[in-house]
Amino acid sequence: MELVVNGKPLRCSDGLSLLGLLGELGLAPEAVVVERNAEFVQRSLYPNVVLADGDSLELIQFVGGG
């Protein structure tokens, strides 16, 4: 299936969960806010959200610093 992640096309396997995608991208779920098809996804739902072909995701990663 093909997704759009932060404005760029990304091919991934069918049936992938949002949590699985974050793992494949090397992103820590607790440090990412996800918007799927213009709606924010609650972090507690990441394991249960199954992505679909054509989904548009915006991944916002928190970066600490001083």
C-alpha atoms as a PDB file:
ATOM      1  CA  MET A   1       0.000   0.000   0.000  1.00  0.00           C
ATOM      2  CA  GLU A   2       1.080   3.582  -0.432  1.00  0.00           C
ATOM      3  CA  LEU A   3       0.867   6.284   2.212  1.00  0.00           C
ATOM      4  CA  VAL A   4       1.760   9.942   2.213  1.00  0.00           C
ATOM      5  CA  VAL A   5       3.975  10.725   5.213  1.00  0.00           C
ATOM      6  CA  ASN A   6       4.861  14.359   5.835  1.00  0.00           C
ATOM      7  CA  GLY A   7       4.082  15.106   2.197  1.00  0.00           C
ATOM      8  CA  LYS A   8       6.188  12.287   0.714  1.00  0.00           C
ATOM      9  CA  PRO A   9       4.985   8.958  -0.721  1.00  0.00           C
ATOM     10  CA  LEU A  10       5.912   5.852   1.272  1.00  0.00           C
ATOM     11  CA  ARG A  11       5.267   2.230   0.309  1.00  0.00           C
ATOM     12  CA  CYS A  12       4.677  -0.240   3.119  1.00  0.00           C
ATOM     13  CA  SER A  13       3.059  -3.603   3.715  1.00  0.00           C
ATOM     14  CA  ASP A  14      -0.720  -4.007   3.887  1.00  0.00           C
ATOM     15  CA  GLY A  15      -2.280  -4.288   7.324  1.00  0.00           C
ATOM     16  CA  LEU A  16       0.436  -2.270   9.044  1.00  0.00           C
ATOM     17  CA  SER A  17      -0.578  -0.574  12.289  1.00  0.00           C
ATOM     18  CA  LEU A  18       0.374   2.967  13.113  1.00  0.00           C
ATOM     19  CA  LEU A  19       2.594   1.638  15.899  1.00  0.00           C
ATOM     20  CA  GLY A  20       4.259  -0.736  13.411  1.00  0.00           C
ATOM     21  CA  LEU A  21       4.934   2.114  10.999  1.00  0.00           C
ATOM     22  CA  LEU A  22       6.549   4.198  13.720  1.00  0.00           C
ATOM     23  CA  GLY A  23       8.750   1.217  14.566  1.00  0.00           C
ATOM     24  CA  GLU A  24       9.766   0.780  10.918  1.00  0.00           C
ATOM     25  CA  LEU A  25      10.660   4.469  10.770  1.00  0.00           C
ATOM     26  CA  GLY A  26      12.683   4.225  13.982  1.00  0.00           C
ATOM     27  CA  LEU A  27      10.464   6.676  15.852  1.00  0.00           C
ATOM     28  CA  ALA A  28       9.597   6.348  19.536  1.00  0.00           C
ATOM     29  CA  PRO A  29       5.779   6.440  19.866  1.00  0.00           C
ATOM     30  CA  GLU A  30       5.958   8.461  23.074  1.00  0.00           C
ATOM     31  CA  ALA A  31       7.851  11.230  21.243  1.00  0.00           C
ATOM     32  CA  VAL A  32       5.576  11.539  18.199  1.00  0.00           C
ATOM     33  CA  VAL A  33       2.205  13.175  17.602  1.00  0.00           C
ATOM     34  CA  VAL A  34       0.335  11.755  14.612  1.00  0.00           C
ATOM     35  CA  GLU A  35      -2.276  13.366  12.418  1.00  0.00           C
ATOM     36  CA  ARG A  36      -4.019  10.877  10.119  1.00  0.00           C
ATOM     37  CA  ASN A  37      -6.209  12.223   7.343  1.00  0.00           C
ATOM     38  CA  ALA A  38      -6.417  15.631   9.081  1.00  0.00           C
ATOM     39  CA  GLU A  39      -7.404  14.160  12.483  1.00  0.00           C
ATOM     40  CA  PHE A  40      -5.109  13.737  15.470  1.00  0.00           C
ATOM     41  CA  VAL A  41      -4.736  10.171  16.756  1.00  0.00           C
ATOM     42  CA  GLN A  42      -4.610   9.543  20.496  1.00  0.00           C
ATOM     43  CA  ARG A  43      -1.319   7.901  21.455  1.00  0.00           C
ATOM     44  CA  SER A  44      -3.181   5.099  23.273  1.00  0.00           C
ATOM     45  CA  LEU A  45      -4.777   4.117  19.930  1.00  0.00           C
ATOM     46  CA  TYR A  46      -1.514   3.768  17.937  1.00  0.00           C
ATOM     47  CA  PRO A  47      -1.441  -0.055  18.272  1.00  0.00           C
ATOM     48  CA  ASN A  48      -5.075  -0.372  17.141  1.00  0.00           C
ATOM     49  CA  VAL A  49      -5.029   1.971  14.131  1.00  0.00           C
ATOM     50  CA  VAL A  50      -4.572  -0.081  10.953  1.00  0.00           C
ATOM     51  CA  LEU A  51      -3.362   2.060   8.098  1.00  0.00           C
ATOM     52  CA  ALA A  52      -5.099   2.015   4.719  1.00  0.00           C
ATOM     53  CA  ASP A  53      -3.879   2.668   1.195  1.00  0.00           C
ATOM     54  CA  GLY A  54      -3.899   6.401   0.524  1.00  0.00           C
ATOM     55  CA  ASP A  55      -3.777   7.510   4.164  1.00  0.00           C
ATOM     56  CA  SER A  56      -2.079  10.856   4.686  1.00  0.00           C
ATOM     57  CA  LEU A  57      -0.013  11.133   7.858  1.00  0.00           C
ATOM     58  CA  GLU A  58       1.776  14.029   9.482  1.00  0.00           C
ATOM     59  CA  LEU A  59       4.302  12.896  12.067  1.00  0.00           C
ATOM     60  CA  ILE A  60       5.436  15.562  14.497  1.00  0.00           C
ATOM     61  CA  GLN A  61       8.441  14.538  16.546  1.00  0.00           C
ATOM     62  CA  PHE A  62       9.385  16.188  19.827  1.00  0.00           C
ATOM     63  CA  VAL A  63      13.029  17.057  20.207  1.00  0.00           C
ATOM     64  CA  GLY A  64      14.506  17.976  23.569  1.00  0.00           C
ATOM     65  CA  GLY A  65      17.316  20.392  24.015  1.00  0.00           C
ATOM     66  CA  GLY A  66      18.665  23.052  26.225  1.00  0.00           C
END
